[in-house]
Amino acid sequence: MKLSKVGGVVVYDNTLRGGLVAMPEEQTPENFKSGRQANLEFNKLLAGDPRVQLSHVPLGDGVTICRRIYLNFCFKHVTC
């Protein structure tokens, strides 16, 4: 986000991980669990970032569109 201007857009692909992020942990196939967890953490990080507005589009494996709304500032989860 430091490289994006206020009003700029950043798009992330595959944020739904084929629906695995909505699947209960116990039903997730073992070989997908680590990737599922990484996607969940990434989505939570984006959702909690006050510098952006975001929209999650359920196309394919999911697309998240972030629009930068604030100038850079530090908060506990992001390196400034």
C-alpha atoms as a PDB file:
ATOM      1  CA  MET A   1       0.000   0.000   0.000  1.00  0.00           C
ATOM      2  CA  LYS A   2       2.938   2.342   0.531  1.00  0.00           C
ATOM      3  CA  LEU A   3       3.498   2.389  -3.229  1.00  0.00           C
ATOM      4  CA  SER A   4      -0.105   3.128  -4.130  1.00  0.00           C
ATOM      5  CA  LYS A   5      -1.435   6.697  -4.253  1.00  0.00           C
ATOM      6  CA  VAL A   6      -4.551   7.788  -2.384  1.00  0.00           C
ATOM      7  CA  GLY A   7      -7.393   6.881  -4.751  1.00  0.00           C
ATOM      8  CA  GLY A   8      -5.289   4.128  -6.344  1.00  0.00           C
ATOM      9  CA  VAL A   9      -6.623   0.616  -6.826  1.00  0.00           C
ATOM     10  CA  VAL A  10      -4.946  -2.696  -5.981  1.00  0.00           C
ATOM     11  CA  VAL A  11      -6.552  -5.971  -7.089  1.00  0.00           C
ATOM     12  CA  TYR A  12      -5.833  -9.352  -5.506  1.00  0.00           C
ATOM     13  CA  ASP A  13      -6.801 -12.597  -7.229  1.00  0.00           C
ATOM     14  CA  ASN A  14      -7.736 -16.009  -5.774  1.00  0.00           C
ATOM     15  CA  THR A  15      -8.910 -14.615  -2.424  1.00  0.00           C
ATOM     16  CA  LEU A  16     -11.747 -17.133  -2.059  1.00  0.00           C
ATOM     17  CA  ARG A  17      -9.492 -20.091  -2.804  1.00  0.00           C
ATOM     18  CA  GLY A  18     -12.156 -22.005  -4.699  1.00  0.00           C
ATOM     19  CA  GLY A  19     -14.584 -21.622  -1.792  1.00  0.00           C
ATOM     20  CA  LEU A  20     -12.207 -23.179   0.746  1.00  0.00           C
ATOM     21  CA  VAL A  21     -12.213 -20.037   2.912  1.00  0.00           C
ATOM     22  CA  ALA A  22     -15.940 -20.582   3.570  1.00  0.00           C
ATOM     23  CA  MET A  23     -15.560 -24.304   4.236  1.00  0.00           C
ATOM     24  CA  PRO A  24     -15.317 -25.474   7.865  1.00  0.00           C
ATOM     25  CA  GLU A  25     -11.763 -26.398   8.900  1.00  0.00           C
ATOM     26  CA  GLU A  26     -12.706 -30.017   9.605  1.00  0.00           C
ATOM     27  CA  GLN A  27     -14.099 -30.479   6.070  1.00  0.00           C
ATOM     28  CA  THR A  28     -11.067 -28.973   4.333  1.00  0.00           C
ATOM     29  CA  PRO A  29      -8.857 -31.570   2.616  1.00  0.00           C
ATOM     30  CA  GLU A  30      -5.505 -31.875   4.413  1.00  0.00           C
ATOM     31  CA  ASN A  31      -3.413 -30.765   1.419  1.00  0.00           C
ATOM     32  CA  PHE A  32      -5.373 -27.446   1.217  1.00  0.00           C
ATOM     33  CA  LYS A  33      -5.358 -26.484   4.906  1.00  0.00           C
ATOM     34  CA  SER A  34      -2.185 -24.362   4.919  1.00  0.00           C
ATOM     35  CA  GLY A  35      -3.218 -22.426   1.795  1.00  0.00           C
ATOM     36  CA  ARG A  36      -6.714 -21.940   3.189  1.00  0.00           C
ATOM     37  CA  GLN A  37      -5.306 -20.563   6.434  1.00  0.00           C
ATOM     38  CA  ALA A  38      -2.989 -18.182   4.565  1.00  0.00           C
ATOM     39  CA  ASN A  39      -5.940 -16.871   2.533  1.00  0.00           C
ATOM     40  CA  LEU A  40      -8.040 -16.383   5.666  1.00  0.00           C
ATOM     41  CA  GLU A  41      -5.258 -14.412   7.362  1.00  0.00           C
ATOM     42  CA  PHE A  42      -4.679 -12.292   4.248  1.00  0.00           C
ATOM     43  CA  ASN A  43      -8.399 -11.520   3.900  1.00  0.00           C
ATOM     44  CA  LYS A  44      -8.598 -10.554   7.594  1.00  0.00           C
ATOM     45  CA  LEU A  45      -5.573  -8.293   7.191  1.00  0.00           C
ATOM     46  CA  LEU A  46      -7.182  -6.508   4.236  1.00  0.00           C
ATOM     47  CA  ALA A  47     -10.552  -6.235   5.989  1.00  0.00           C
ATOM     48  CA  GLY A  48      -8.905  -4.651   9.028  1.00  0.00           C
ATOM     49  CA  ASP A  49      -6.746  -2.175   7.097  1.00  0.00           C
ATOM     50  CA  PRO A  50      -8.172   1.322   7.663  1.00  0.00           C
ATOM     51  CA  ARG A  51      -6.244   2.685   4.662  1.00  0.00           C
ATOM     52  CA  VAL A  52      -8.491   0.941   2.135  1.00  0.00           C
ATOM     53  CA  GLN A  53     -12.059   0.392   1.061  1.00  0.00           C
ATOM     54  CA  LEU A  54     -12.529  -3.042  -0.380  1.00  0.00           C
ATOM     55  CA  SER A  55     -14.949  -5.077  -2.369  1.00  0.00           C
ATOM     56  CA  HIS A  56     -14.832  -8.846  -2.583  1.00  0.00           C
ATOM     57  CA  VAL A  57     -16.075 -10.166  -5.932  1.00  0.00           C
ATOM     58  CA  PRO A  58     -17.075 -13.842  -6.003  1.00  0.00           C
ATOM     59  CA  LEU A  59     -15.865 -14.546  -9.542  1.00  0.00           C
ATOM     60  CA  GLY A  60     -13.848 -17.711 -10.077  1.00  0.00           C
ATOM     61  CA  ASP A  61     -11.550 -18.100  -7.083  1.00  0.00           C
ATOM     62  CA  GLY A  62     -12.446 -14.630  -5.820  1.00  0.00           C
ATOM     63  CA  VAL A  63     -11.130 -11.164  -6.549  1.00  0.00           C
ATOM     64  CA  THR A  64     -10.606  -8.456  -3.925  1.00  0.00           C
ATOM     65  CA  ILE A  65     -10.496  -4.863  -5.114  1.00  0.00           C
ATOM     66  CA  CYS A  66      -8.940  -2.339  -2.724  1.00  0.00           C
ATOM     67  CA  ARG A  67      -9.097   1.426  -3.112  1.00  0.00           C
ATOM     68  CA  ARG A  68      -6.573   3.424  -1.126  1.00  0.00           C
ATOM     69  CA  ILE A  69      -8.329   6.104   0.959  1.00  0.00           C
ATOM     70  CA  TYR A  70      -5.712   7.295   3.480  1.00  0.00           C
ATOM     71  CA  LEU A  71      -2.142   8.498   3.510  1.00  0.00           C
ATOM     72  CA  ASN A  72       0.534   6.220   4.953  1.00  0.00           C
ATOM     73  CA  PHE A  73       0.533   5.848   8.681  1.00  0.00           C
ATOM     74  CA  CYS A  74       1.688   3.085  10.975  1.00  0.00           C
ATOM     75  CA  PHE A  75      -0.501   0.633  12.794  1.00  0.00           C
ATOM     76  CA  LYS A  76       0.416  -2.589  14.524  1.00  0.00           C
ATOM     77  CA  HIS A  77      -0.041  -5.061  11.618  1.00  0.00           C
ATOM     78  CA  VAL A  78       1.667  -3.168   8.794  1.00  0.00           C
ATOM     79  CA  THR A  79       5.293  -2.164   8.423  1.00  0.00           C
ATOM     80  CA  CYS A  80       5.625   1.525   7.542  1.00  0.00           C
END
